[in-house]
Amino acid sequence: MLVGLTKIPTLRDLYKASVLRAVELSKTRAQPKAPLLDRVSLYQGDITTLEVDAIVNAANRSLLGGSGVDGAIHAASGPGLLNECRKLNGCDTGDAKITKGYNLPSENVIHTVGPVYSSANADVQARLLQSCYRTSLQLAAQNSLKHIAFPSISTGIYGYPIEDATHIALDTVRQFLDSSHADKLERVVFVVWSDDDKEVYEDLIPVYFPKPSEYEDVQPLKSVV
């Protein structure tokens, strides 16, 4: 079943449904900004079913497919994606490259290579993971894409702790949406598969996208779908 943006709840929707709960201001890491509640979503399900301008593939350095999200995206897109990826000469860790979506409902795939986690150099891994999200967002903006959907990068077989990775994902996206480069990007979707990962995102989203005190008086943005 294909999933369009109208079926993906925004943070505004999740606050109204009490799925997200406001945290004390002292625990937040960014200022409340009501318009961002309409530009960010959390969705639990299959990223390959989303009808958006781009989904992000948590790829390996070869870009030729693998397991987990990577394998699912290649399987759903068909051979055209693999053929195009063969021409890209791989991708460095922390970088991103864009292809067409082929048989996917998303028009494009942004492939990014996350770090393999090691506690011995956690600071380096954190910078590389941050770069995955930042370069993917930059590619979306450079290609005039309006929507981008992220899986939880590096938290599968690459072993990145889900809570640490989620802090990085939310912080990097929030910084990007606060920048001048984000004008054309209308929706960022965080996609999770498991209930455990969903709970981590629900706990941490209010830290980076707080509920404004004037929330009830703020009118939602017009739909872009």
N, C-alpha and C. Protein backbone atom coordinates (compact mmCIF):
# COMPACT_ATOMS: atom_id res chain seq x y z
N MET A 1 0.84 -1.19 0.00
CA MET A 1 0.00 0.00 0.00
C MET A 1 0.87 1.25 0.00
N LEU A 2 0.63 2.16 -0.93
CA LEU A 2 1.39 3.38 -1.00
C LEU A 2 0.93 4.36 0.08
N VAL A 3 1.87 5.13 0.59
CA VAL A 3 1.57 6.05 1.68
C VAL A 3 1.97 7.46 1.26
N GLY A 4 0.97 8.32 1.07
CA GLY A 4 1.22 9.72 0.73
C GLY A 4 1.41 10.57 1.96
N LEU A 5 1.85 11.79 1.76
CA LEU A 5 2.12 12.68 2.89
C LEU A 5 0.88 12.95 3.75
N THR A 6 -0.30 12.93 3.14
CA THR A 6 -1.51 13.19 3.92
C THR A 6 -1.78 12.10 4.96
N LYS A 7 -1.15 10.94 4.78
CA LYS A 7 -1.33 9.83 5.71
C LYS A 7 -0.22 9.77 6.76
N ILE A 8 0.74 10.67 6.65
CA ILE A 8 1.88 10.66 7.57
C ILE A 8 1.69 11.80 8.58
N PRO A 9 1.55 11.49 9.85
CA PRO A 9 1.28 12.54 10.84
C PRO A 9 2.46 13.48 11.03
N THR A 10 2.16 14.76 11.13
CA THR A 10 3.18 15.75 11.46
C THR A 10 3.38 15.77 12.98
N LEU A 11 4.40 16.48 13.41
CA LEU A 11 4.60 16.63 14.85
C LEU A 11 3.43 17.36 15.48
N ARG A 12 2.82 18.28 14.76
CA ARG A 12 1.62 18.96 15.28
C ARG A 12 0.53 17.92 15.57
N ASP A 13 0.32 17.00 14.61
CA ASP A 13 -0.69 15.95 14.80
C ASP A 13 -0.36 15.10 16.02
N LEU A 14 0.91 14.77 16.18
CA LEU A 14 1.32 13.88 17.27
C LEU A 14 1.22 14.56 18.62
N TYR A 15 1.47 15.87 18.67
CA TYR A 15 1.26 16.60 19.92
C TYR A 15 -0.23 16.66 20.27
N LYS A 16 -1.05 16.91 19.26
CA LYS A 16 -2.49 17.00 19.51
C LYS A 16 -3.06 15.67 19.98
N ALA A 17 -2.49 14.57 19.49
CA ALA A 17 -2.95 13.24 19.88
C ALA A 17 -2.29 12.75 21.16
N SER A 18 -1.45 13.59 21.75
CA SER A 18 -0.71 13.26 22.97
C SER A 18 0.24 12.09 22.80
N VAL A 19 0.61 11.80 21.54
CA VAL A 19 1.66 10.82 21.29
C VAL A 19 3.01 11.42 21.70
N LEU A 20 3.18 12.71 21.39
CA LEU A 20 4.32 13.47 21.86
C LEU A 20 3.88 14.32 23.04
N ARG A 21 4.72 14.38 24.05
CA ARG A 21 4.39 15.16 25.24
C ARG A 21 5.47 16.21 25.49
N ALA A 22 5.04 17.40 25.80
CA ALA A 22 5.98 18.50 26.04
C ALA A 22 6.90 18.17 27.21
N VAL A 23 8.15 18.63 27.08
CA VAL A 23 9.11 18.47 28.16
C VAL A 23 9.40 19.83 28.77
N GLU A 24 10.00 19.83 29.94
CA GLU A 24 10.37 21.08 30.58
C GLU A 24 11.35 21.85 29.70
N LEU A 25 11.21 23.16 29.68
CA LEU A 25 12.05 24.00 28.84
C LEU A 25 13.53 23.78 29.14
N SER A 26 13.85 23.50 30.37
CA SER A 26 15.25 23.29 30.76
C SER A 26 15.85 22.04 30.11
N LYS A 27 14.98 21.14 29.64
CA LYS A 27 15.45 19.89 29.03
C LYS A 27 15.52 19.98 27.50
N THR A 28 15.05 21.07 26.93
CA THR A 28 15.06 21.19 25.48
C THR A 28 16.43 21.68 25.01
N ARG A 29 16.72 21.39 23.74
CA ARG A 29 18.00 21.79 23.16
C ARG A 29 17.81 22.75 21.98
N ALA A 30 16.60 23.24 21.82
CA ALA A 30 16.30 24.20 20.76
C ALA A 30 15.08 25.00 21.18
N GLN A 31 14.94 26.19 20.62
CA GLN A 31 13.80 27.03 20.94
C GLN A 31 12.54 26.52 20.25
N PRO A 32 11.39 26.65 20.90
CA PRO A 32 10.13 26.28 20.23
C PRO A 32 9.92 27.12 18.97
N LYS A 33 9.51 26.47 17.92
CA LYS A 33 9.23 27.17 16.66
C LYS A 33 8.04 26.48 16.02
N ALA A 34 6.85 27.04 16.19
CA ALA A 34 5.61 26.39 15.79
C ALA A 34 5.56 25.94 14.33
N PRO A 35 6.04 26.74 13.35
CA PRO A 35 5.94 26.29 11.95
C PRO A 35 6.66 24.98 11.66
N LEU A 36 7.69 24.66 12.45
CA LEU A 36 8.42 23.42 12.21
C LEU A 36 7.58 22.18 12.54
N LEU A 37 6.55 22.35 13.35
CA LEU A 37 5.71 21.21 13.69
C LEU A 37 4.96 20.67 12.48
N ASP A 38 4.82 21.50 11.44
CA ASP A 38 4.16 21.07 10.21
C ASP A 38 5.15 20.56 9.17
N ARG A 39 6.43 20.68 9.45
CA ARG A 39 7.45 20.33 8.46
C ARG A 39 8.21 19.07 8.82
N VAL A 40 7.88 18.47 9.95
CA VAL A 40 8.58 17.26 10.42
C VAL A 40 7.55 16.21 10.80
N SER A 41 7.84 14.96 10.47
CA SER A 41 6.93 13.85 10.76
C SER A 41 7.68 12.67 11.35
N LEU A 42 6.94 11.83 12.04
CA LEU A 42 7.43 10.53 12.50
C LEU A 42 6.48 9.47 11.97
N TYR A 43 7.03 8.46 11.29
CA TYR A 43 6.19 7.42 10.69
C TYR A 43 6.79 6.06 11.00
N GLN A 44 5.94 5.13 11.42
CA GLN A 44 6.37 3.76 11.65
C GLN A 44 5.86 2.88 10.51
N GLY A 45 6.78 2.28 9.79
CA GLY A 45 6.38 1.43 8.67
C GLY A 45 7.51 1.25 7.68
N ASP A 46 7.13 0.86 6.47
CA ASP A 46 8.06 0.52 5.40
C ASP A 46 8.40 1.76 4.59
N ILE A 47 9.66 2.16 4.61
CA ILE A 47 10.08 3.38 3.91
C ILE A 47 9.89 3.26 2.40
N THR A 48 9.90 2.05 1.86
CA THR A 48 9.78 1.87 0.41
C THR A 48 8.37 2.13 -0.10
N THR A 49 7.40 2.34 0.79
CA THR A 49 6.02 2.60 0.37
C THR A 49 5.69 4.09 0.35
N LEU A 50 6.62 4.94 0.72
CA LEU A 50 6.31 6.36 0.87
C LEU A 50 6.36 7.10 -0.46
N GLU A 51 5.30 7.87 -0.73
CA GLU A 51 5.23 8.71 -1.93
C GLU A 51 5.77 10.09 -1.58
N VAL A 52 7.08 10.22 -1.65
CA VAL A 52 7.77 11.47 -1.35
C VAL A 52 8.78 11.74 -2.45
N ASP A 53 9.37 12.92 -2.42
CA ASP A 53 10.35 13.25 -3.45
C ASP A 53 11.61 12.41 -3.32
N ALA A 54 12.00 12.06 -2.09
CA ALA A 54 13.20 11.23 -1.91
C ALA A 54 13.12 10.45 -0.61
N ILE A 55 13.56 9.21 -0.66
CA ILE A 55 13.82 8.45 0.54
C ILE A 55 15.34 8.28 0.65
N VAL A 56 15.82 8.14 1.87
CA VAL A 56 17.24 7.97 2.10
C VAL A 56 17.53 6.50 2.32
N ASN A 57 18.56 6.02 1.64
CA ASN A 57 19.01 4.64 1.78
C ASN A 57 20.24 4.60 2.67
N ALA A 58 20.17 3.81 3.73
CA ALA A 58 21.34 3.57 4.57
C ALA A 58 22.21 2.54 3.86
N ALA A 59 23.07 3.02 2.99
CA ALA A 59 23.81 2.17 2.06
C ALA A 59 25.17 1.76 2.62
N ASN A 60 25.82 0.83 1.91
CA ASN A 60 27.22 0.55 2.19
C ASN A 60 28.09 1.29 1.18
N ARG A 61 29.40 1.22 1.34
CA ARG A 61 30.29 2.04 0.53
C ARG A 61 30.24 1.69 -0.96
N SER A 62 29.85 0.47 -1.29
CA SER A 62 29.79 0.08 -2.71
C SER A 62 28.56 0.65 -3.41
N LEU A 63 27.50 0.95 -2.66
CA LEU A 63 26.20 1.38 -3.18
C LEU A 63 25.52 0.30 -4.02
N LEU A 64 25.96 -0.93 -3.90
CA LEU A 64 25.43 -2.01 -4.74
C LEU A 64 24.43 -2.90 -4.02
N GLY A 65 23.91 -2.43 -2.91
CA GLY A 65 22.90 -3.20 -2.19
C GLY A 65 23.49 -3.97 -1.03
N GLY A 66 22.63 -4.35 -0.11
CA GLY A 66 23.08 -5.08 1.07
C GLY A 66 21.88 -5.64 1.80
N SER A 67 21.93 -5.63 3.12
CA SER A 67 20.84 -6.16 3.92
C SER A 67 20.02 -5.01 4.50
N GLY A 68 19.00 -5.34 5.28
CA GLY A 68 18.21 -4.34 5.97
C GLY A 68 17.52 -3.38 5.02
N VAL A 69 17.51 -2.09 5.39
CA VAL A 69 16.87 -1.06 4.57
C VAL A 69 17.48 -1.02 3.18
N ASP A 70 18.79 -1.15 3.10
CA ASP A 70 19.50 -1.12 1.82
C ASP A 70 18.95 -2.19 0.88
N GLY A 71 18.86 -3.41 1.36
CA GLY A 71 18.36 -4.51 0.53
C GLY A 71 16.90 -4.32 0.15
N ALA A 72 16.11 -3.81 1.08
CA ALA A 72 14.68 -3.59 0.80
C ALA A 72 14.48 -2.54 -0.28
N ILE A 73 15.26 -1.48 -0.23
CA ILE A 73 15.14 -0.42 -1.23
C ILE A 73 15.57 -0.92 -2.60
N HIS A 74 16.67 -1.64 -2.68
CA HIS A 74 17.12 -2.18 -3.97
C HIS A 74 16.10 -3.18 -4.52
N ALA A 75 15.54 -4.01 -3.66
CA ALA A 75 14.56 -5.01 -4.11
C ALA A 75 13.31 -4.34 -4.65
N ALA A 76 12.85 -3.29 -3.98
CA ALA A 76 11.62 -2.63 -4.39
C ALA A 76 11.81 -1.75 -5.62
N SER A 77 13.01 -1.24 -5.82
CA SER A 77 13.24 -0.31 -6.93
C SER A 77 13.48 -1.01 -8.26
N GLY A 78 13.95 -2.26 -8.22
CA GLY A 78 14.22 -2.98 -9.45
C GLY A 78 15.64 -2.77 -9.95
N PRO A 79 16.00 -3.41 -11.06
CA PRO A 79 17.38 -3.40 -11.54
C PRO A 79 17.88 -2.03 -11.99
N GLY A 80 17.00 -1.13 -12.32
CA GLY A 80 17.43 0.19 -12.76
C GLY A 80 18.28 0.91 -11.72
N LEU A 81 17.91 0.76 -10.45
CA LEU A 81 18.65 1.42 -9.38
C LEU A 81 20.07 0.86 -9.30
N LEU A 82 20.20 -0.45 -9.34
CA LEU A 82 21.52 -1.06 -9.27
C LEU A 82 22.38 -0.64 -10.45
N ASN A 83 21.80 -0.58 -11.63
CA ASN A 83 22.56 -0.17 -12.81
C ASN A 83 23.07 1.26 -12.67
N GLU A 84 22.23 2.16 -12.12
CA GLU A 84 22.70 3.53 -11.94
C GLU A 84 23.76 3.62 -10.86
N CYS A 85 23.57 2.84 -9.78
CA CYS A 85 24.53 2.87 -8.68
C CYS A 85 25.91 2.38 -9.12
N ARG A 86 25.94 1.45 -10.07
CA ARG A 86 27.23 0.94 -10.57
C ARG A 86 28.07 2.05 -11.21
N LYS A 87 27.41 3.10 -11.67
CA LYS A 87 28.11 4.20 -12.35
C LYS A 87 28.62 5.27 -11.38
N LEU A 88 28.30 5.13 -10.09
CA LEU A 88 28.62 6.18 -9.13
C LEU A 88 29.97 5.97 -8.44
N ASN A 89 30.61 4.82 -8.66
CA ASN A 89 31.92 4.54 -8.07
C ASN A 89 31.91 4.58 -6.54
N GLY A 90 30.84 4.08 -5.96
CA GLY A 90 30.75 3.99 -4.52
C GLY A 90 30.54 5.34 -3.84
N CYS A 91 30.66 5.33 -2.53
CA CYS A 91 30.41 6.55 -1.73
C CYS A 91 31.20 6.45 -0.44
N ASP A 92 31.81 7.54 -0.03
CA ASP A 92 32.57 7.57 1.22
C ASP A 92 31.63 7.61 2.42
N THR A 93 32.10 7.11 3.54
CA THR A 93 31.33 7.18 4.78
C THR A 93 31.09 8.65 5.14
N GLY A 94 29.84 8.96 5.45
CA GLY A 94 29.46 10.33 5.79
C GLY A 94 29.02 11.16 4.61
N ASP A 95 29.19 10.64 3.40
CA ASP A 95 28.80 11.37 2.20
C ASP A 95 27.47 10.82 1.69
N ALA A 96 26.94 11.42 0.62
CA ALA A 96 25.67 11.00 0.05
C ALA A 96 25.66 11.24 -1.45
N LYS A 97 24.93 10.38 -2.17
CA LYS A 97 24.76 10.53 -3.61
C LYS A 97 23.30 10.25 -3.96
N ILE A 98 22.83 10.83 -5.05
CA ILE A 98 21.41 10.74 -5.41
C ILE A 98 21.22 9.97 -6.70
N THR A 99 20.14 9.18 -6.75
CA THR A 99 19.74 8.46 -7.97
C THR A 99 18.24 8.62 -8.15
N LYS A 100 17.75 8.11 -9.26
CA LYS A 100 16.31 8.02 -9.47
C LYS A 100 15.73 6.91 -8.58
N GLY A 101 14.41 6.92 -8.46
CA GLY A 101 13.75 5.92 -7.62
C GLY A 101 13.28 4.69 -8.36
N TYR A 102 13.17 4.78 -9.70
CA TYR A 102 12.75 3.66 -10.55
C TYR A 102 11.38 3.13 -10.11
N ASN A 103 11.28 1.89 -9.66
CA ASN A 103 9.96 1.32 -9.35
C ASN A 103 9.42 1.73 -7.98
N LEU A 104 10.17 2.51 -7.25
CA LEU A 104 9.70 3.00 -5.95
C LEU A 104 8.68 4.12 -6.14
N PRO A 105 7.78 4.31 -5.20
CA PRO A 105 6.88 5.46 -5.28
C PRO A 105 7.59 6.79 -5.06
N SER A 106 8.74 6.76 -4.41
CA SER A 106 9.54 7.98 -4.26
C SER A 106 10.29 8.24 -5.56
N GLU A 107 10.38 9.50 -5.94
CA GLU A 107 10.98 9.86 -7.22
C GLU A 107 12.50 9.68 -7.20
N ASN A 108 13.10 9.80 -6.03
CA ASN A 108 14.56 9.73 -5.92
C ASN A 108 14.96 8.91 -4.70
N VAL A 109 16.21 8.43 -4.75
CA VAL A 109 16.82 7.80 -3.59
C VAL A 109 18.12 8.53 -3.30
N ILE A 110 18.29 8.95 -2.07
CA ILE A 110 19.56 9.54 -1.64
C ILE A 110 20.28 8.49 -0.82
N HIS A 111 21.43 8.06 -1.33
CA HIS A 111 22.20 7.00 -0.68
C HIS A 111 23.27 7.63 0.21
N THR A 112 23.30 7.25 1.46
CA THR A 112 24.32 7.75 2.37
C THR A 112 24.93 6.59 3.13
N VAL A 113 26.21 6.71 3.42
CA VAL A 113 26.94 5.62 4.07
C VAL A 113 27.24 6.00 5.51
N GLY A 114 26.58 5.34 6.42
CA GLY A 114 26.79 5.61 7.83
C GLY A 114 28.02 4.91 8.38
N PRO A 115 28.49 5.35 9.54
CA PRO A 115 29.67 4.73 10.15
C PRO A 115 29.33 3.43 10.86
N VAL A 116 30.31 2.53 10.88
CA VAL A 116 30.22 1.33 11.71
C VAL A 116 30.64 1.75 13.12
N TYR A 117 29.76 1.54 14.09
CA TYR A 117 30.00 2.10 15.42
C TYR A 117 31.14 1.41 16.15
N SER A 118 31.94 2.23 16.82
CA SER A 118 32.99 1.74 17.72
C SER A 118 33.09 2.73 18.87
N SER A 119 33.01 2.22 20.08
CA SER A 119 33.10 3.10 21.24
C SER A 119 34.49 3.70 21.39
N ALA A 120 35.47 3.11 20.73
CA ALA A 120 36.85 3.59 20.84
C ALA A 120 37.03 4.96 20.19
N ASN A 121 36.23 5.26 19.16
CA ASN A 121 36.31 6.57 18.52
C ASN A 121 34.92 7.11 18.27
N ALA A 122 34.16 7.18 19.33
CA ALA A 122 32.75 7.58 19.25
C ALA A 122 32.59 9.00 18.70
N ASP A 123 33.51 9.90 19.02
CA ASP A 123 33.41 11.27 18.53
C ASP A 123 33.52 11.32 17.01
N VAL A 124 34.43 10.53 16.46
CA VAL A 124 34.58 10.47 15.01
C VAL A 124 33.33 9.90 14.36
N GLN A 125 32.79 8.84 14.97
CA GLN A 125 31.58 8.22 14.43
C GLN A 125 30.40 9.19 14.47
N ALA A 126 30.32 9.98 15.52
CA ALA A 126 29.23 10.95 15.64
C ALA A 126 29.31 12.00 14.54
N ARG A 127 30.51 12.48 14.25
CA ARG A 127 30.67 13.47 13.18
C ARG A 127 30.31 12.89 11.83
N LEU A 128 30.66 11.63 11.60
CA LEU A 128 30.34 10.99 10.33
C LEU A 128 28.82 10.78 10.20
N LEU A 129 28.18 10.38 11.28
CA LEU A 129 26.73 10.19 11.23
C LEU A 129 26.02 11.52 11.02
N GLN A 130 26.49 12.56 11.68
CA GLN A 130 25.92 13.89 11.46
C GLN A 130 26.07 14.29 10.00
N SER A 131 27.20 13.99 9.41
CA SER A 131 27.44 14.32 8.01
C SER A 131 26.48 13.58 7.08
N CYS A 132 26.12 12.36 7.43
CA CYS A 132 25.15 11.60 6.62
C CYS A 132 23.84 12.37 6.49
N TYR A 133 23.32 12.84 7.62
CA TYR A 133 22.06 13.58 7.60
C TYR A 133 22.23 14.93 6.91
N ARG A 134 23.32 15.63 7.22
CA ARG A 134 23.51 16.97 6.65
C ARG A 134 23.68 16.92 5.14
N THR A 135 24.53 16.02 4.63
CA THR A 135 24.76 15.96 3.19
C THR A 135 23.52 15.48 2.45
N SER A 136 22.74 14.60 3.06
CA SER A 136 21.49 14.16 2.44
C SER A 136 20.51 15.32 2.32
N LEU A 137 20.39 16.12 3.38
CA LEU A 137 19.51 17.29 3.34
C LEU A 137 19.99 18.30 2.31
N GLN A 138 21.30 18.49 2.23
CA GLN A 138 21.85 19.43 1.26
C GLN A 138 21.57 18.97 -0.17
N LEU A 139 21.71 17.67 -0.42
CA LEU A 139 21.40 17.13 -1.75
C LEU A 139 19.93 17.35 -2.10
N ALA A 140 19.06 17.15 -1.14
CA ALA A 140 17.63 17.37 -1.38
C ALA A 140 17.38 18.82 -1.75
N ALA A 141 17.97 19.74 -1.00
CA ALA A 141 17.77 21.17 -1.28
C ALA A 141 18.37 21.56 -2.63
N GLN A 142 19.55 21.04 -2.95
CA GLN A 142 20.21 21.36 -4.21
C GLN A 142 19.41 20.87 -5.41
N ASN A 143 18.66 19.79 -5.23
CA ASN A 143 17.87 19.23 -6.31
C ASN A 143 16.41 19.67 -6.26
N SER A 144 16.12 20.69 -5.46
CA SER A 144 14.77 21.28 -5.35
C SER A 144 13.72 20.24 -4.95
N LEU A 145 14.10 19.32 -4.08
CA LEU A 145 13.15 18.32 -3.59
C LEU A 145 12.40 18.90 -2.39
N LYS A 146 11.12 18.59 -2.30
CA LYS A 146 10.28 19.14 -1.25
C LYS A 146 10.17 18.24 -0.03
N HIS A 147 10.38 16.93 -0.23
CA HIS A 147 10.19 15.99 0.87
C HIS A 147 11.35 15.00 0.91
N ILE A 148 11.75 14.62 2.11
CA ILE A 148 12.80 13.62 2.29
C ILE A 148 12.44 12.76 3.50
N ALA A 149 12.64 11.45 3.36
CA ALA A 149 12.33 10.51 4.44
C ALA A 149 13.59 9.75 4.83
N PHE A 150 13.90 9.76 6.12
CA PHE A 150 15.10 9.13 6.65
C PHE A 150 14.78 7.85 7.42
N PRO A 151 15.53 6.78 7.19
CA PRO A 151 15.52 5.67 8.15
C PRO A 151 16.44 6.04 9.30
N SER A 152 16.58 5.17 10.26
CA SER A 152 17.52 5.40 11.35
C SER A 152 18.88 4.87 10.90
N ILE A 153 19.74 5.76 10.46
CA ILE A 153 21.00 5.38 9.81
C ILE A 153 21.99 4.80 10.83
N SER A 154 22.60 3.68 10.44
CA SER A 154 23.68 3.01 11.18
C SER A 154 23.25 2.26 12.43
N THR A 155 21.94 2.22 12.72
CA THR A 155 21.51 1.59 13.97
C THR A 155 21.20 0.10 13.82
N GLY A 156 21.32 -0.42 12.60
CA GLY A 156 21.09 -1.85 12.36
C GLY A 156 22.38 -2.63 12.57
N ILE A 157 22.85 -3.27 11.51
CA ILE A 157 24.04 -4.11 11.61
C ILE A 157 25.31 -3.29 11.87
N TYR A 158 25.25 -1.96 11.66
CA TYR A 158 26.41 -1.12 11.95
C TYR A 158 26.52 -0.78 13.43
N GLY A 159 25.51 -1.13 14.20
CA GLY A 159 25.62 -1.14 15.65
C GLY A 159 25.60 0.18 16.39
N TYR A 160 25.15 1.26 15.73
CA TYR A 160 25.14 2.55 16.44
C TYR A 160 24.02 2.53 17.48
N PRO A 161 24.29 2.90 18.71
CA PRO A 161 23.24 2.90 19.75
C PRO A 161 22.08 3.81 19.33
N ILE A 162 20.87 3.30 19.41
CA ILE A 162 19.71 4.00 18.87
C ILE A 162 19.49 5.36 19.53
N GLU A 163 19.68 5.46 20.83
CA GLU A 163 19.44 6.75 21.48
C GLU A 163 20.47 7.78 21.04
N ASP A 164 21.73 7.40 20.97
CA ASP A 164 22.76 8.33 20.52
C ASP A 164 22.52 8.74 19.07
N ALA A 165 22.16 7.78 18.23
CA ALA A 165 21.92 8.07 16.82
C ALA A 165 20.72 8.98 16.62
N THR A 166 19.70 8.81 17.45
CA THR A 166 18.50 9.63 17.33
C THR A 166 18.78 11.07 17.75
N HIS A 167 19.57 11.25 18.79
CA HIS A 167 19.98 12.61 19.16
C HIS A 167 20.65 13.29 17.97
N ILE A 168 21.55 12.60 17.31
CA ILE A 168 22.28 13.18 16.18
C ILE A 168 21.33 13.49 15.03
N ALA A 169 20.44 12.56 14.73
CA ALA A 169 19.49 12.76 13.63
C ALA A 169 18.62 13.98 13.87
N LEU A 170 18.04 14.07 15.05
CA LEU A 170 17.13 15.18 15.36
C LEU A 170 17.86 16.51 15.43
N ASP A 171 19.03 16.52 16.03
CA ASP A 171 19.80 17.75 16.15
C ASP A 171 20.23 18.27 14.78
N THR A 172 20.69 17.37 13.90
CA THR A 172 21.16 17.79 12.58
C THR A 172 20.01 18.31 11.73
N VAL A 173 18.88 17.64 11.77
CA VAL A 173 17.72 18.10 11.00
C VAL A 173 17.23 19.43 11.54
N ARG A 174 17.18 19.59 12.85
CA ARG A 174 16.73 20.86 13.43
C ARG A 174 17.65 21.99 13.00
N GLN A 175 18.96 21.78 13.05
CA GLN A 175 19.90 22.83 12.63
C GLN A 175 19.69 23.18 11.16
N PHE A 176 19.45 22.18 10.34
CA PHE A 176 19.25 22.44 8.91
C PHE A 176 17.97 23.24 8.68
N LEU A 177 16.91 22.86 9.36
CA LEU A 177 15.64 23.57 9.18
C LEU A 177 15.68 24.98 9.72
N ASP A 178 16.60 25.26 10.61
CA ASP A 178 16.79 26.61 11.11
C ASP A 178 17.69 27.45 10.21
N SER A 179 18.30 26.83 9.21
CA SER A 179 19.24 27.53 8.34
C SER A 179 18.52 28.11 7.12
N SER A 180 19.25 28.92 6.38
CA SER A 180 18.67 29.55 5.18
C SER A 180 18.58 28.57 4.02
N HIS A 181 19.20 27.39 4.14
CA HIS A 181 19.23 26.42 3.04
C HIS A 181 17.95 25.59 2.96
N ALA A 182 17.08 25.74 3.94
CA ALA A 182 15.94 24.83 4.06
C ALA A 182 14.64 25.39 3.50
N ASP A 183 14.69 26.52 2.81
CA ASP A 183 13.46 27.19 2.38
C ASP A 183 12.56 26.31 1.52
N LYS A 184 13.15 25.51 0.64
CA LYS A 184 12.35 24.72 -0.30
C LYS A 184 11.95 23.35 0.26
N LEU A 185 12.53 22.97 1.37
CA LEU A 185 12.24 21.66 1.93
C LEU A 185 11.01 21.75 2.83
N GLU A 186 9.93 21.11 2.41
CA GLU A 186 8.65 21.27 3.10
C GLU A 186 8.35 20.18 4.12
N ARG A 187 8.96 19.02 3.98
CA ARG A 187 8.70 17.95 4.95
C ARG A 187 9.90 17.03 5.11
N VAL A 188 10.26 16.77 6.35
CA VAL A 188 11.26 15.77 6.70
C VAL A 188 10.56 14.70 7.51
N VAL A 189 10.68 13.46 7.08
CA VAL A 189 10.01 12.34 7.74
C VAL A 189 11.05 11.41 8.35
N PHE A 190 10.92 11.15 9.64
CA PHE A 190 11.74 10.13 10.29
C PHE A 190 10.94 8.83 10.27
N VAL A 191 11.54 7.79 9.70
CA VAL A 191 10.85 6.51 9.53
C VAL A 191 11.50 5.47 10.44
N VAL A 192 10.68 4.83 11.24
CA VAL A 192 11.16 3.76 12.13
C VAL A 192 10.40 2.49 11.83
N TRP A 193 10.99 1.37 12.20
CA TRP A 193 10.34 0.08 11.96
C TRP A 193 9.84 -0.54 13.26
N SER A 194 10.69 -0.57 14.29
CA SER A 194 10.33 -1.27 15.52
C SER A 194 9.64 -0.35 16.52
N ASP A 195 8.90 -0.96 17.43
CA ASP A 195 8.26 -0.19 18.50
C ASP A 195 9.30 0.46 19.40
N ASP A 196 10.40 -0.25 19.65
CA ASP A 196 11.45 0.29 20.52
C ASP A 196 12.05 1.56 19.93
N ASP A 197 12.34 1.54 18.63
CA ASP A 197 12.90 2.73 17.99
C ASP A 197 11.89 3.87 17.99
N LYS A 198 10.63 3.54 17.77
CA LYS A 198 9.57 4.56 17.78
C LYS A 198 9.50 5.25 19.14
N GLU A 199 9.63 4.50 20.20
CA GLU A 199 9.57 5.08 21.54
C GLU A 199 10.74 6.02 21.79
N VAL A 200 11.91 5.68 21.27
CA VAL A 200 13.07 6.56 21.43
C VAL A 200 12.82 7.89 20.72
N TYR A 201 12.31 7.84 19.51
CA TYR A 201 12.02 9.07 18.77
C TYR A 201 10.94 9.89 19.49
N GLU A 202 9.91 9.23 19.97
CA GLU A 202 8.84 9.95 20.67
C GLU A 202 9.36 10.64 21.93
N ASP A 203 10.32 10.02 22.61
CA ASP A 203 10.89 10.61 23.81
C ASP A 203 11.79 11.81 23.49
N LEU A 204 12.51 11.73 22.37
CA LEU A 204 13.53 12.74 22.07
C LEU A 204 13.06 13.86 21.15
N ILE A 205 12.05 13.64 20.34
CA ILE A 205 11.57 14.71 19.45
C ILE A 205 11.22 15.99 20.21
N PRO A 206 10.53 15.92 21.36
CA PRO A 206 10.21 17.17 22.06
C PRO A 206 11.43 17.94 22.57
N VAL A 207 12.58 17.27 22.66
CA VAL A 207 13.80 17.93 23.09
C VAL A 207 14.30 18.88 22.00
N TYR A 208 14.12 18.49 20.73
CA TYR A 208 14.63 19.27 19.60
C TYR A 208 13.53 20.05 18.86
N PHE A 209 12.30 19.60 19.01
CA PHE A 209 11.16 20.29 18.40
C PHE A 209 10.10 20.50 19.49
N PRO A 210 10.39 21.41 20.42
CA PRO A 210 9.49 21.59 21.57
C PRO A 210 8.13 22.12 21.15
N LYS A 211 7.17 21.83 21.98
CA LYS A 211 5.82 22.35 21.80
C LYS A 211 5.79 23.79 22.31
N PRO A 212 5.45 24.77 21.45
CA PRO A 212 5.42 26.17 21.90
C PRO A 212 4.31 26.39 22.91
N SER A 213 4.52 27.35 23.81
CA SER A 213 3.50 27.64 24.82
C SER A 213 2.25 28.20 24.18
N GLU A 214 2.41 28.87 23.02
CA GLU A 214 1.26 29.45 22.32
C GLU A 214 0.68 28.49 21.30
N TYR A 215 1.05 27.23 21.42
CA TYR A 215 0.71 26.19 20.43
C TYR A 215 -0.75 26.19 20.02
N GLU A 216 -1.66 26.27 20.96
CA GLU A 216 -3.07 26.12 20.64
C GLU A 216 -3.58 27.26 19.75
N ASP A 217 -2.87 28.40 19.76
CA ASP A 217 -3.31 29.54 18.97
C ASP A 217 -2.68 29.59 17.59
N VAL A 218 -1.78 28.66 17.31
CA VAL A 218 -1.06 28.68 16.04
C VAL A 218 -1.84 27.89 14.99
N GLN A 219 -2.11 28.52 13.86
CA GLN A 219 -2.81 27.84 12.79
C GLN A 219 -1.85 27.00 11.98
N PRO A 220 -2.22 25.78 11.58
CA PRO A 220 -1.32 24.94 10.80
C PRO A 220 -1.07 25.53 9.43
N LEU A 221 0.07 25.17 8.85
CA LEU A 221 0.37 25.58 7.49
C LEU A 221 -0.56 24.88 6.53
N LYS A 222 -0.76 25.48 5.37
CA LYS A 222 -1.57 24.84 4.32
C LYS A 222 -0.87 23.59 3.82
N SER A 223 -1.63 22.58 3.47
CA SER A 223 -1.05 21.34 2.97
C SER A 223 -0.32 21.59 1.66
N VAL A 224 0.81 20.91 1.51
CA VAL A 224 1.59 21.03 0.28
C VAL A 224 1.36 19.85 -0.64
N VAL A 225 0.47 18.94 -0.23
CA VAL A 225 0.23 17.73 -1.01
C VAL A 225 -0.83 18.00 -2.07
